[in-house]
Amino acid sequence: MLEELEAAVAADPSDALRWLRLAELREQDGQPLPALLARFEAVTRAQLRGQWLDARSTPAPHLDAVVDAISQVRERRREIYLGCYDFLRQQHGTAALSRVDRAVSVHLREWDARPPDPRQKPRFLYFPDLPSLPYLDPRAQPWAPVLSAAFPAIRDEALGLLAHTQGFEDFVRLREGDRMENYLGGQQPSWEAYFFFRHGKRFDEHHAHCPATSNALESIELCQIPDHAPEICFSLLAPGTHIRPHYGVTNVRSVMHLPLLVPANCALNIVDVGEHLWREGELMMFDDTFQHEAWNRSPDPRLILLMDCWNPGLSAIERQATSVLIHTISLLHKAGRASGSARK
């Protein structure tokens, strides 16, 4: 029965009740951690669809089991987070994942871990034991030469798009209550993007329109995190626009720029560190958990290829585990928000 249900869930993971039944069978089979992870899948999948938020949105025959599952998921977050990449621990051993385990402890505030540089302030996840450097050497990425070599072709495709301004959209997406002036300054500020990926979603039409850029991107290791990354675009900053100072979400990610069109008086500035003046064709990389801003003080547009990438200090195994961890934390947060909003 257990093997049959495992196969059914693998074939169609969308059924929350099936996950709940799987949790019961795993528990009976002496698999407490897999049982907890099945309850996590059941709760998050249901609540993200607006179900299991209260007694009214929960089938009466399953109410007790659902309440127990929600309680366990809330109380046992540590086991869920550590368990989500346990398959890697079994393959590679505990030592290979010790820094990821420490990042989980930091996220749960089990100990007060602060970056050694007080200017660094990640908003979401801090991974300890990585170098605390605002500007990073782009050559630390083994694929940097590939991107550099593709610069002429990438630039030609970007300038072709710029001539027609087709496919560009606002980079900043405002939420309820947001105001654009909180993000951009200038008399007529404009920050637009031609996305190849956003929040992990691939923009197939844009790849088709820019084959050289697409080929270069597909040939390198991208920062893959479900529903989060990669985020890669042609970033277009209009004359007179100031991107106001802000912090990034996590130091497991670095930001790479390939400057394509850079007039005078354009710069990226890491606050209390210093300015970087882009040079066309010259890669630059930085840690965006340091407060940073950018401006175009010229009368002409500035255009770069902007992409997030893994912090080069992470091992391949740590990158895999961190991807799963961030996705799991995000699912739990989303389900919690859905549950909270339904009770208002």
C-alpha atoms as a PDB file:
ATOM      1  CA  MET A   1       0.000   0.000   0.000  1.00  0.00           C
ATOM      2  CA  LEU A   2       2.778   2.436   0.919  1.00  0.00           C
ATOM      3  CA  GLU A   3       4.730   1.786  -2.284  1.00  0.00           C
ATOM      4  CA  GLU A   4       1.575   2.207  -4.376  1.00  0.00           C
ATOM      5  CA  LEU A   5       0.768   5.541  -2.732  1.00  0.00           C
ATOM      6  CA  GLU A   6       4.382   6.751  -3.104  1.00  0.00           C
ATOM      7  CA  ALA A   7       4.121   6.032  -6.825  1.00  0.00           C
ATOM      8  CA  ALA A   8       0.738   7.752  -7.106  1.00  0.00           C
ATOM      9  CA  VAL A   9       2.011  10.884  -5.342  1.00  0.00           C
ATOM     10  CA  ALA A  10       5.100  10.965  -7.551  1.00  0.00           C
ATOM     11  CA  ALA A  11       2.902  10.737 -10.668  1.00  0.00           C
ATOM     12  CA  ASP A  12       0.477  13.440  -9.458  1.00  0.00           C
ATOM     13  CA  PRO A  13       1.703  15.490  -6.476  1.00  0.00           C
ATOM     14  CA  SER A  14      -1.212  17.950  -6.529  1.00  0.00           C
ATOM     15  CA  ASP A  15      -3.613  16.015  -4.251  1.00  0.00           C
ATOM     16  CA  ALA A  16      -3.231  17.299  -0.675  1.00  0.00           C
ATOM     17  CA  LEU A  17      -5.347  14.520   0.855  1.00  0.00           C
ATOM     18  CA  ARG A  18      -3.170  11.934  -0.826  1.00  0.00           C
ATOM     19  CA  TRP A  19      -0.115  13.531   0.788  1.00  0.00           C
ATOM     20  CA  LEU A  20      -1.908  13.411   4.150  1.00  0.00           C
ATOM     21  CA  ARG A  21      -2.621   9.702   3.743  1.00  0.00           C
ATOM     22  CA  LEU A  22       0.985   9.143   2.708  1.00  0.00           C
ATOM     23  CA  ALA A  23       2.131  10.844   5.922  1.00  0.00           C
ATOM     24  CA  GLU A  24       0.051   8.388   7.973  1.00  0.00           C
ATOM     25  CA  LEU A  25       1.476   5.376   6.151  1.00  0.00           C
ATOM     26  CA  ARG A  26       5.057   6.638   6.479  1.00  0.00           C
ATOM     27  CA  GLU A  27       4.479   7.165  10.212  1.00  0.00           C
ATOM     28  CA  GLN A  28       3.198   3.607  10.549  1.00  0.00           C
ATOM     29  CA  ASP A  29       6.234   2.386   8.637  1.00  0.00           C
ATOM     30  CA  GLY A  30       8.612   4.019  11.116  1.00  0.00           C
ATOM     31  CA  GLN A  31       9.604   6.983   8.910  1.00  0.00           C
ATOM     32  CA  PRO A  32       8.977  10.060  11.100  1.00  0.00           C
ATOM     33  CA  LEU A  33      10.888  12.622   9.006  1.00  0.00           C
ATOM     34  CA  PRO A  34       9.413  11.558   5.621  1.00  0.00           C
ATOM     35  CA  ALA A  35       6.009  11.590   7.324  1.00  0.00           C
ATOM     36  CA  LEU A  36       6.550  15.177   8.495  1.00  0.00           C
ATOM     37  CA  LEU A  37       7.661  16.245   5.010  1.00  0.00           C
ATOM     38  CA  ALA A  38       4.514  14.667   3.541  1.00  0.00           C
ATOM     39  CA  ARG A  39       2.415  16.688   5.994  1.00  0.00           C
ATOM     40  CA  PHE A  40       4.310  19.804   4.908  1.00  0.00           C
ATOM     41  CA  GLU A  41       3.458  19.045   1.263  1.00  0.00           C
ATOM     42  CA  ALA A  42      -0.184  18.462   2.160  1.00  0.00           C
ATOM     43  CA  VAL A  43      -0.573  21.665   4.189  1.00  0.00           C
ATOM     44  CA  THR A  44       1.256  24.002   1.803  1.00  0.00           C
ATOM     45  CA  ARG A  45      -0.438  22.643  -1.319  1.00  0.00           C
ATOM     46  CA  ALA A  46      -3.887  22.938   0.245  1.00  0.00           C
ATOM     47  CA  GLN A  47      -3.454  26.377   1.814  1.00  0.00           C
ATOM     48  CA  LEU A  48      -1.965  27.881  -1.332  1.00  0.00           C
ATOM     49  CA  ARG A  49      -5.219  26.868  -3.048  1.00  0.00           C
ATOM     50  CA  GLY A  50      -7.309  28.513  -0.328  1.00  0.00           C
ATOM     51  CA  GLN A  51      -8.158  25.246   1.445  1.00  0.00           C
ATOM     52  CA  TRP A  52      -7.547  24.080   5.042  1.00  0.00           C
ATOM     53  CA  LEU A  53      -7.515  27.667   6.264  1.00  0.00           C
ATOM     54  CA  ASP A  54     -10.300  27.120   8.799  1.00  0.00           C
ATOM     55  CA  ALA A  55     -13.087  24.625   9.567  1.00  0.00           C
ATOM     56  CA  ARG A  56     -15.204  25.907   6.690  1.00  0.00           C
ATOM     57  CA  SER A  57     -12.504  25.257   4.083  1.00  0.00           C
ATOM     58  CA  THR A  58     -11.597  21.824   5.464  1.00  0.00           C
ATOM     59  CA  PRO A  59     -13.571  18.609   4.749  1.00  0.00           C
ATOM     60  CA  ALA A  60     -15.180  17.567   8.039  1.00  0.00           C
ATOM     61  CA  PRO A  61     -14.006  13.916   7.873  1.00  0.00           C
ATOM     62  CA  HIS A  62     -10.384  15.102   7.665  1.00  0.00           C
ATOM     63  CA  LEU A  63     -10.530  18.035  10.084  1.00  0.00           C
ATOM     64  CA  ASP A  64      -8.699  16.365  12.980  1.00  0.00           C
ATOM     65  CA  ALA A  65      -5.913  15.072  10.732  1.00  0.00           C
ATOM     66  CA  VAL A  66      -5.565  18.465   9.043  1.00  0.00           C
ATOM     67  CA  VAL A  67      -5.397  20.337  12.370  1.00  0.00           C
ATOM     68  CA  ASP A  68      -2.714  17.912  13.586  1.00  0.00           C
ATOM     69  CA  ALA A  69      -0.740  18.287  10.341  1.00  0.00           C
ATOM     70  CA  ILE A  70      -0.849  22.103  10.494  1.00  0.00           C
ATOM     71  CA  SER A  71       0.258  22.040  14.128  1.00  0.00           C
ATOM     72  CA  GLN A  72       3.202  19.781  13.356  1.00  0.00           C
ATOM     73  CA  VAL A  73       4.286  21.856  10.370  1.00  0.00           C
ATOM     74  CA  ARG A  74       4.260  25.054  12.454  1.00  0.00           C
ATOM     75  CA  GLU A  75       6.036  23.560  15.446  1.00  0.00           C
ATOM     76  CA  ARG A  76       8.610  21.479  13.615  1.00  0.00           C
ATOM     77  CA  ARG A  77       9.972  23.948  11.064  1.00  0.00           C
ATOM     78  CA  ARG A  78      13.547  23.049  11.938  1.00  0.00           C
ATOM     79  CA  GLU A  79      13.016  19.399  11.019  1.00  0.00           C
ATOM     80  CA  ILE A  80      11.262  20.407   7.817  1.00  0.00           C
ATOM     81  CA  TYR A  81      14.047  22.727   6.726  1.00  0.00           C
ATOM     82  CA  LEU A  82      16.827  20.290   7.574  1.00  0.00           C
ATOM     83  CA  GLY A  83      14.834  17.422   6.121  1.00  0.00           C
ATOM     84  CA  CYS A  84      14.113  19.018   2.766  1.00  0.00           C
ATOM     85  CA  TYR A  85      17.717  18.427   1.648  1.00  0.00           C
ATOM     86  CA  ASP A  86      18.276  15.247   3.664  1.00  0.00           C
ATOM     87  CA  PHE A  87      18.628  13.303   0.415  1.00  0.00           C
ATOM     88  CA  LEU A  88      21.847  15.228  -0.206  1.00  0.00           C
ATOM     89  CA  ARG A  89      23.062  14.488   3.308  1.00  0.00           C
ATOM     90  CA  GLN A  90      22.560  10.785   2.666  1.00  0.00           C
ATOM     91  CA  GLN A  91      24.549  11.023  -0.563  1.00  0.00           C
ATOM     92  CA  HIS A  92      27.377  13.320   0.519  1.00  0.00           C
ATOM     93  CA  GLY A  93      27.523  13.184   4.324  1.00  0.00           C
ATOM     94  CA  THR A  94      26.834  15.714   7.071  1.00  0.00           C
ATOM     95  CA  ALA A  95      30.128  17.603   6.774  1.00  0.00           C
ATOM     96  CA  ALA A  96      29.350  18.697   3.193  1.00  0.00           C
ATOM     97  CA  LEU A  97      26.165  20.400   4.433  1.00  0.00           C
ATOM     98  CA  SER A  98      27.299  21.793   7.785  1.00  0.00           C
ATOM     99  CA  ARG A  99      27.240  25.404   6.573  1.00  0.00           C
ATOM    100  CA  VAL A 100      23.711  24.985   5.201  1.00  0.00           C
ATOM    101  CA  ASP A 101      22.647  23.556   8.565  1.00  0.00           C
ATOM    102  CA  ARG A 102      24.129  26.646  10.214  1.00  0.00           C
ATOM    103  CA  ALA A 103      22.158  28.863   7.823  1.00  0.00           C
ATOM    104  CA  VAL A 104      18.967  27.082   8.938  1.00  0.00           C
ATOM    105  CA  SER A 105      19.854  27.784  12.574  1.00  0.00           C
ATOM    106  CA  VAL A 106      20.430  31.452  11.743  1.00  0.00           C
ATOM    107  CA  HIS A 107      17.125  31.684   9.884  1.00  0.00           C
ATOM    108  CA  LEU A 108      15.297  30.190  12.884  1.00  0.00           C
ATOM    109  CA  ARG A 109      17.120  32.662  15.163  1.00  0.00           C
ATOM    110  CA  GLU A 110      18.550  29.878  17.258  1.00  0.00           C
ATOM    111  CA  TRP A 111      21.707  31.941  17.592  1.00  0.00           C
ATOM    112  CA  ASP A 112      22.623  35.521  16.846  1.00  0.00           C
ATOM    113  CA  ALA A 113      24.762  35.358  13.733  1.00  0.00           C
ATOM    114  CA  ARG A 114      25.549  38.708  12.217  1.00  0.00           C
ATOM    115  CA  PRO A 115      27.719  39.368   9.178  1.00  0.00           C
ATOM    116  CA  PRO A 116      31.267  40.334  10.144  1.00  0.00           C
ATOM    117  CA  ASP A 117      30.782  43.523   8.138  1.00  0.00           C
ATOM    118  CA  PRO A 118      27.919  45.524   9.738  1.00  0.00           C
ATOM    119  CA  ARG A 119      27.156  47.134   6.376  1.00  0.00           C
ATOM    120  CA  GLN A 120      25.875  43.779   5.101  1.00  0.00           C
ATOM    121  CA  LYS A 121      22.164  43.262   5.864  1.00  0.00           C
ATOM    122  CA  PRO A 122      20.426  40.383   4.040  1.00  0.00           C
ATOM    123  CA  ARG A 123      16.652  40.723   4.295  1.00  0.00           C
ATOM    124  CA  PHE A 124      15.692  37.053   4.002  1.00  0.00           C
ATOM    125  CA  LEU A 125      18.443  34.454   4.460  1.00  0.00           C
ATOM    126  CA  TYR A 126      21.961  34.890   5.772  1.00  0.00           C
ATOM    127  CA  PHE A 127      24.434  32.131   4.970  1.00  0.00           C
ATOM    128  CA  PRO A 128      27.306  32.303   7.477  1.00  0.00           C
ATOM    129  CA  ASP A 129      30.909  31.525   6.646  1.00  0.00           C
ATOM    130  CA  LEU A 130      30.886  33.137   3.186  1.00  0.00           C
ATOM    131  CA  PRO A 131      33.358  35.972   2.529  1.00  0.00           C
ATOM    132  CA  SER A 132      31.819  39.323   3.444  1.00  0.00           C
ATOM    133  CA  LEU A 133      32.901  41.324   0.397  1.00  0.00           C
ATOM    134  CA  PRO A 134      30.818  44.062  -1.260  1.00  0.00           C
ATOM    135  CA  TYR A 135      32.550  43.812  -4.654  1.00  0.00           C
ATOM    136  CA  LEU A 136      33.490  40.354  -5.930  1.00  0.00           C
ATOM    137  CA  ASP A 137      35.896  39.248  -8.626  1.00  0.00           C
ATOM    138  CA  PRO A 138      33.755  38.118 -11.599  1.00  0.00           C
ATOM    139  CA  ARG A 139      36.540  35.733 -12.598  1.00  0.00           C
ATOM    140  CA  ALA A 140      35.564  33.651  -9.561  1.00  0.00           C
ATOM    141  CA  GLN A 141      32.727  32.365 -11.742  1.00  0.00           C
ATOM    142  CA  PRO A 142      34.185  29.665 -14.002  1.00  0.00           C
ATOM    143  CA  TRP A 143      31.757  30.613 -16.768  1.00  0.00           C
ATOM    144  CA  ALA A 144      32.735  34.327 -16.829  1.00  0.00           C
ATOM    145  CA  PRO A 145      34.935  33.927 -19.953  1.00  0.00           C
ATOM    146  CA  VAL A 146      31.946  32.528 -21.859  1.00  0.00           C
ATOM    147  CA  LEU A 147      29.863  35.592 -21.069  1.00  0.00           C
ATOM    148  CA  SER A 148      32.721  37.961 -21.877  1.00  0.00           C
ATOM    149  CA  ALA A 149      33.363  36.301 -25.234  1.00  0.00           C
ATOM    150  CA  ALA A 150      29.690  36.674 -26.174  1.00  0.00           C
ATOM    151  CA  PHE A 151      29.686  40.422 -25.435  1.00  0.00           C
ATOM    152  CA  PRO A 152      29.710  41.673 -29.073  1.00  0.00           C
ATOM    153  CA  ALA A 153      26.795  39.465 -30.122  1.00  0.00           C
ATOM    154  CA  ILE A 154      24.819  40.171 -26.941  1.00  0.00           C
ATOM    155  CA  ARG A 155      25.359  43.894 -27.361  1.00  0.00           C
ATOM    156  CA  ASP A 156      24.174  43.822 -30.984  1.00  0.00           C
ATOM    157  CA  GLU A 157      20.964  42.053 -30.018  1.00  0.00           C
ATOM    158  CA  ALA A 158      20.318  44.424 -27.118  1.00  0.00           C
ATOM    159  CA  LEU A 159      20.842  47.517 -29.256  1.00  0.00           C
ATOM    160  CA  GLY A 160      18.486  46.079 -31.854  1.00  0.00           C
ATOM    161  CA  LEU A 161      15.785  45.779 -29.214  1.00  0.00           C
ATOM    162  CA  LEU A 162      16.533  49.248 -27.920  1.00  0.00           C
ATOM    163  CA  ALA A 163      15.850  50.724 -31.331  1.00  0.00           C
ATOM    164  CA  HIS A 164      12.246  49.502 -31.111  1.00  0.00           C
ATOM    165  CA  THR A 165      11.808  49.311 -27.297  1.00  0.00           C
ATOM    166  CA  GLN A 166       9.645  46.235 -27.778  1.00  0.00           C
ATOM    167  CA  GLY A 167       9.305  43.697 -24.984  1.00  0.00           C
ATOM    168  CA  PHE A 168      10.583  46.001 -22.244  1.00  0.00           C
ATOM    169  CA  GLU A 169       8.506  46.351 -19.066  1.00  0.00           C
ATOM    170  CA  ASP A 170       8.840  48.133 -15.748  1.00  0.00           C
ATOM    171  CA  PHE A 171      11.441  46.412 -13.599  1.00  0.00           C
ATOM    172  CA  VAL A 172       9.728  47.493 -10.374  1.00  0.00           C
ATOM    173  CA  ARG A 173       6.348  45.900  -9.766  1.00  0.00           C
ATOM    174  CA  LEU A 174       4.432  47.876  -7.196  1.00  0.00           C
ATOM    175  CA  ARG A 175       2.417  46.166  -4.489  1.00  0.00           C
ATOM    176  CA  GLU A 176      -0.644  47.611  -2.823  1.00  0.00           C
ATOM    177  CA  GLY A 177       0.330  50.769  -0.988  1.00  0.00           C
ATOM    178  CA  ASP A 178       3.700  51.072  -2.754  1.00  0.00           C
ATOM    179  CA  ARG A 179       4.790  54.250  -4.505  1.00  0.00           C
ATOM    180  CA  MET A 180       7.307  54.359  -7.335  1.00  0.00           C
ATOM    181  CA  GLU A 181       9.187  57.227  -5.693  1.00  0.00           C
ATOM    182  CA  ASN A 182      10.130  54.804  -2.910  1.00  0.00           C
ATOM    183  CA  TYR A 183      12.263  52.964  -5.467  1.00  0.00           C
ATOM    184  CA  LEU A 184      13.225  55.480  -8.154  1.00  0.00           C
ATOM    185  CA  GLY A 185      14.255  59.118  -8.110  1.00  0.00           C
ATOM    186  CA  GLY A 186      14.538  61.713 -10.860  1.00  0.00           C
ATOM    187  CA  GLN A 187      12.202  64.021 -12.731  1.00  0.00           C
ATOM    188  CA  GLN A 188      10.916  61.308 -15.083  1.00  0.00           C
ATOM    189  CA  PRO A 189      12.442  58.110 -13.715  1.00  0.00           C
ATOM    190  CA  SER A 190      12.239  54.915 -15.727  1.00  0.00           C
ATOM    191  CA  TRP A 191      13.817  51.517 -15.124  1.00  0.00           C
ATOM    192  CA  GLU A 192      12.758  48.939 -17.673  1.00  0.00           C
ATOM    193  CA  ALA A 193      13.759  45.354 -18.341  1.00  0.00           C
ATOM    194  CA  TYR A 194      13.664  42.838 -21.159  1.00  0.00           C
ATOM    195  CA  PHE A 195      13.464  39.594 -19.223  1.00  0.00           C
ATOM    196  CA  PHE A 196      14.980  36.277 -20.195  1.00  0.00           C
ATOM    197  CA  PHE A 197      14.100  34.835 -16.793  1.00  0.00           C
ATOM    198  CA  ARG A 198      12.170  36.262 -13.871  1.00  0.00           C
ATOM    199  CA  HIS A 199      11.445  34.426 -10.623  1.00  0.00           C
ATOM    200  CA  GLY A 200      12.660  31.296 -12.393  1.00  0.00           C
ATOM    201  CA  LYS A 201      10.201  31.639 -15.280  1.00  0.00           C
ATOM    202  CA  ARG A 202      11.745  31.445 -18.755  1.00  0.00           C
ATOM    203  CA  PHE A 203      10.573  34.016 -21.331  1.00  0.00           C
ATOM    204  CA  ASP A 204      10.709  31.772 -24.392  1.00  0.00           C
ATOM    205  CA  GLU A 205       9.779  34.494 -26.898  1.00  0.00           C
ATOM    206  CA  HIS A 206      12.605  36.729 -25.699  1.00  0.00           C
ATOM    207  CA  HIS A 207      15.083  33.877 -25.974  1.00  0.00           C
ATOM    208  CA  ALA A 208      13.915  33.281 -29.536  1.00  0.00           C
ATOM    209  CA  HIS A 209      14.379  36.962 -30.431  1.00  0.00           C
ATOM    210  CA  CYS A 210      17.914  37.021 -29.012  1.00  0.00           C
ATOM    211  CA  PRO A 211      19.517  33.681 -29.967  1.00  0.00           C
ATOM    212  CA  ALA A 212      23.117  34.688 -29.235  1.00  0.00           C
ATOM    213  CA  THR A 213      22.207  35.934 -25.767  1.00  0.00           C
ATOM    214  CA  SER A 214      20.087  32.856 -25.152  1.00  0.00           C
ATOM    215  CA  ASN A 215      22.857  30.494 -26.238  1.00  0.00           C
ATOM    216  CA  ALA A 216      25.327  32.199 -23.923  1.00  0.00           C
ATOM    217  CA  LEU A 217      22.943  32.012 -20.969  1.00  0.00           C
ATOM    218  CA  GLU A 218      22.002  28.398 -21.595  1.00  0.00           C
ATOM    219  CA  SER A 219      25.668  27.382 -21.755  1.00  0.00           C
ATOM    220  CA  ILE A 220      26.523  28.572 -18.231  1.00  0.00           C
ATOM    221  CA  GLU A 221      25.450  27.483 -14.763  1.00  0.00           C
ATOM    222  CA  LEU A 222      22.435  29.531 -13.720  1.00  0.00           C
ATOM    223  CA  CYS A 223      21.212  30.139 -10.188  1.00  0.00           C
ATOM    224  CA  GLN A 224      18.187  27.822 -10.148  1.00  0.00           C
ATOM    225  CA  ILE A 225      15.702  28.257  -7.283  1.00  0.00           C
ATOM    226  CA  PRO A 226      12.050  27.309  -7.974  1.00  0.00           C
ATOM    227  CA  ASP A 227       9.808  30.410  -8.131  1.00  0.00           C
ATOM    228  CA  HIS A 228      12.778  32.655  -7.308  1.00  0.00           C
ATOM    229  CA  ALA A 229      15.672  32.412  -9.724  1.00  0.00           C
ATOM    230  CA  PRO A 230      17.219  32.949 -12.127  1.00  0.00           C
ATOM    231  CA  GLU A 231      16.440  36.579 -12.830  1.00  0.00           C
ATOM    232  CA  ILE A 232      18.180  37.760 -15.984  1.00  0.00           C
ATOM    233  CA  CYS A 233      17.361  40.746 -18.166  1.00  0.00           C
ATOM    234  CA  PHE A 234      18.560  43.598 -20.308  1.00  0.00           C
ATOM    235  CA  SER A 235      18.298  46.408 -17.756  1.00  0.00           C
ATOM    236  CA  LEU A 236      17.500  49.816 -19.247  1.00  0.00           C
ATOM    237  CA  LEU A 237      17.986  52.897 -17.075  1.00  0.00           C
ATOM    238  CA  ALA A 238      16.578  56.091 -18.563  1.00  0.00           C
ATOM    239  CA  PRO A 239      18.399  59.439 -18.426  1.00  0.00           C
ATOM    240  CA  GLY A 240      18.148  61.165 -15.064  1.00  0.00           C
ATOM    241  CA  THR A 241      16.999  58.037 -13.218  1.00  0.00           C
ATOM    242  CA  HIS A 242      18.257  57.150  -9.730  1.00  0.00           C
ATOM    243  CA  ILE A 243      17.655  53.681  -8.294  1.00  0.00           C
ATOM    244  CA  ARG A 244      17.379  54.473  -4.603  1.00  0.00           C
ATOM    245  CA  PRO A 245      19.526  52.673  -1.992  1.00  0.00           C
ATOM    246  CA  HIS A 246      18.253  49.215  -1.072  1.00  0.00           C
ATOM    247  CA  TYR A 247      19.371  45.812   0.219  1.00  0.00           C
ATOM    248  CA  GLY A 248      19.153  42.385  -1.424  1.00  0.00           C
ATOM    249  CA  VAL A 249      17.554  39.332   0.135  1.00  0.00           C
ATOM    250  CA  THR A 250      20.362  36.797   0.617  1.00  0.00           C
ATOM    251  CA  ASN A 251      24.121  36.492   0.358  1.00  0.00           C
ATOM    252  CA  VAL A 252      23.898  33.083  -1.334  1.00  0.00           C
ATOM    253  CA  ARG A 253      23.232  35.126  -4.450  1.00  0.00           C
ATOM    254  CA  SER A 254      25.603  37.498  -6.209  1.00  0.00           C
ATOM    255  CA  VAL A 255      24.694  39.934  -8.977  1.00  0.00           C
ATOM    256  CA  MET A 256      26.608  40.006 -12.255  1.00  0.00           C
ATOM    257  CA  HIS A 257      26.539  42.906 -14.728  1.00  0.00           C
ATOM    258  CA  LEU A 258      27.709  42.844 -18.335  1.00  0.00           C
ATOM    259  CA  PRO A 259      27.637  46.533 -19.401  1.00  0.00           C
ATOM    260  CA  LEU A 260      26.392  46.966 -22.976  1.00  0.00           C
ATOM    261  CA  LEU A 261      25.784  50.700 -23.406  1.00  0.00           C
ATOM    262  CA  VAL A 262      27.248  53.053 -20.808  1.00  0.00           C
ATOM    263  CA  PRO A 263      27.286  56.827 -21.267  1.00  0.00           C
ATOM    264  CA  ALA A 264      29.265  59.087 -18.954  1.00  0.00           C
ATOM    265  CA  ASN A 265      28.041  59.813 -15.427  1.00  0.00           C
ATOM    266  CA  CYS A 266      26.572  56.365 -14.802  1.00  0.00           C
ATOM    267  CA  ALA A 267      27.549  54.290 -11.778  1.00  0.00           C
ATOM    268  CA  LEU A 268      26.669  51.630  -9.285  1.00  0.00           C
ATOM    269  CA  ASN A 269      27.397  52.724  -5.726  1.00  0.00           C
ATOM    270  CA  ILE A 270      27.689  50.504  -2.671  1.00  0.00           C
ATOM    271  CA  VAL A 271      26.909  52.838   0.216  1.00  0.00           C
ATOM    272  CA  ASP A 272      29.882  53.508   2.505  1.00  0.00           C
ATOM    273  CA  VAL A 273      32.092  51.433   0.191  1.00  0.00           C
ATOM    274  CA  GLY A 274      32.379  53.323  -3.079  1.00  0.00           C
ATOM    275  CA  GLU A 275      31.294  53.710  -6.690  1.00  0.00           C
ATOM    276  CA  HIS A 276      31.860  51.368  -9.597  1.00  0.00           C
ATOM    277  CA  LEU A 277      31.893  52.955 -13.048  1.00  0.00           C
ATOM    278  CA  TRP A 278      30.650  50.465 -15.616  1.00  0.00           C
ATOM    279  CA  ARG A 279      32.814  49.870 -18.688  1.00  0.00           C
ATOM    280  CA  GLU A 280      31.253  48.358 -21.771  1.00  0.00           C
ATOM    281  CA  GLY A 281      32.134  44.687 -22.102  1.00  0.00           C
ATOM    282  CA  GLU A 282      33.785  44.496 -18.655  1.00  0.00           C
ATOM    283  CA  LEU A 283      32.044  42.142 -16.222  1.00  0.00           C
ATOM    284  CA  MET A 284      31.445  43.246 -12.653  1.00  0.00           C
ATOM    285  CA  MET A 285      29.924  41.334  -9.724  1.00  0.00           C
ATOM    286  CA  PHE A 286      28.775  42.413  -6.268  1.00  0.00           C
ATOM    287  CA  ASP A 287      26.935  41.214  -3.176  1.00  0.00           C
ATOM    288  CA  ASP A 288      23.619  43.042  -3.125  1.00  0.00           C
ATOM    289  CA  THR A 289      23.041  42.439   0.593  1.00  0.00           C
ATOM    290  CA  PHE A 290      25.200  45.535   0.985  1.00  0.00           C
ATOM    291  CA  GLN A 291      23.117  48.678   0.562  1.00  0.00           C
ATOM    292  CA  HIS A 292      23.504  49.822  -3.010  1.00  0.00           C
ATOM    293  CA  GLU A 293      22.112  52.288  -5.523  1.00  0.00           C
ATOM    294  CA  ALA A 294      22.632  53.173  -9.171  1.00  0.00           C
ATOM    295  CA  TRP A 295      22.175  56.222 -11.335  1.00  0.00           C
ATOM    296  CA  ASN A 296      22.227  57.528 -14.861  1.00  0.00           C
ATOM    297  CA  ARG A 297      23.098  61.222 -14.759  1.00  0.00           C
ATOM    298  CA  SER A 298      23.587  61.468 -18.505  1.00  0.00           C
ATOM    299  CA  PRO A 299      21.159  62.489 -21.280  1.00  0.00           C
ATOM    300  CA  ASP A 300      21.370  58.993 -22.825  1.00  0.00           C
ATOM    301  CA  PRO A 301      20.087  55.516 -21.838  1.00  0.00           C
ATOM    302  CA  ARG A 302      22.223  53.022 -19.966  1.00  0.00           C
ATOM    303  CA  LEU A 303      21.870  49.325 -20.846  1.00  0.00           C
ATOM    304  CA  ILE A 304      23.372  46.282 -19.140  1.00  0.00           C
ATOM    305  CA  LEU A 305      22.798  42.548 -19.010  1.00  0.00           C
ATOM    306  CA  LEU A 306      21.845  41.976 -15.373  1.00  0.00           C
ATOM    307  CA  MET A 307      21.763  38.518 -13.853  1.00  0.00           C
ATOM    308  CA  ASP A 308      21.778  36.877 -10.466  1.00  0.00           C
ATOM    309  CA  CYS A 309      24.175  34.006  -9.898  1.00  0.00           C
ATOM    310  CA  TRP A 310      25.341  31.807  -7.070  1.00  0.00           C
ATOM    311  CA  ASN A 311      27.825  33.236  -4.610  1.00  0.00           C
ATOM    312  CA  PRO A 312      31.098  31.697  -5.816  1.00  0.00           C
ATOM    313  CA  GLY A 313      31.951  30.689  -2.234  1.00  0.00           C
ATOM    314  CA  LEU A 314      29.246  27.982  -2.242  1.00  0.00           C
ATOM    315  CA  SER A 315      30.102  24.409  -3.156  1.00  0.00           C
ATOM    316  CA  ALA A 316      28.021  22.548  -5.739  1.00  0.00           C
ATOM    317  CA  ILE A 317      26.323  20.517  -2.989  1.00  0.00           C
ATOM    318  CA  GLU A 318      25.586  23.655  -0.974  1.00  0.00           C
ATOM    319  CA  ARG A 319      24.008  25.263  -4.037  1.00  0.00           C
ATOM    320  CA  GLN A 320      21.686  22.288  -4.468  1.00  0.00           C
ATOM    321  CA  ALA A 321      20.712  22.251  -0.797  1.00  0.00           C
ATOM    322  CA  THR A 322      20.224  26.018  -0.639  1.00  0.00           C
ATOM    323  CA  SER A 323      17.942  25.946  -3.668  1.00  0.00           C
ATOM    324  CA  VAL A 324      15.690  23.356  -2.021  1.00  0.00           C
ATOM    325  CA  LEU A 325      15.855  25.160   1.327  1.00  0.00           C
ATOM    326  CA  ILE A 326      14.820  28.558  -0.036  1.00  0.00           C
ATOM    327  CA  HIS A 327      11.965  26.991  -1.989  1.00  0.00           C
ATOM    328  CA  THR A 328      10.758  25.194   1.153  1.00  0.00           C
ATOM    329  CA  ILE A 329      10.954  28.300   3.341  1.00  0.00           C
ATOM    330  CA  SER A 330       9.068  30.247   0.680  1.00  0.00           C
ATOM    331  CA  LEU A 331       6.281  27.666   0.456  1.00  0.00           C
ATOM    332  CA  LEU A 332       5.818  27.706   4.215  1.00  0.00           C
ATOM    333  CA  HIS A 333       5.723  31.516   4.267  1.00  0.00           C
ATOM    334  CA  LYS A 334       3.181  31.644   1.430  1.00  0.00           C
ATOM    335  CA  ALA A 335       0.940  29.107   3.121  1.00  0.00           C
ATOM    336  CA  GLY A 336       1.188  31.058   6.356  1.00  0.00           C
ATOM    337  CA  ARG A 337       0.191  34.288   4.610  1.00  0.00           C
ATOM    338  CA  ALA A 338      -2.747  32.550   2.930  1.00  0.00           C
ATOM    339  CA  SER A 339      -3.887  31.157   6.276  1.00  0.00           C
ATOM    340  CA  GLY A 340      -3.462  34.531   8.011  1.00  0.00           C
ATOM    341  CA  SER A 341      -5.328  36.510   5.379  1.00  0.00           C
ATOM    342  CA  ALA A 342      -8.277  34.112   5.520  1.00  0.00           C
ATOM    343  CA  ARG A 343      -8.708  34.753   9.248  1.00  0.00           C
ATOM    344  CA  LYS A 344      -8.951  38.533   8.941  1.00  0.00           C
END
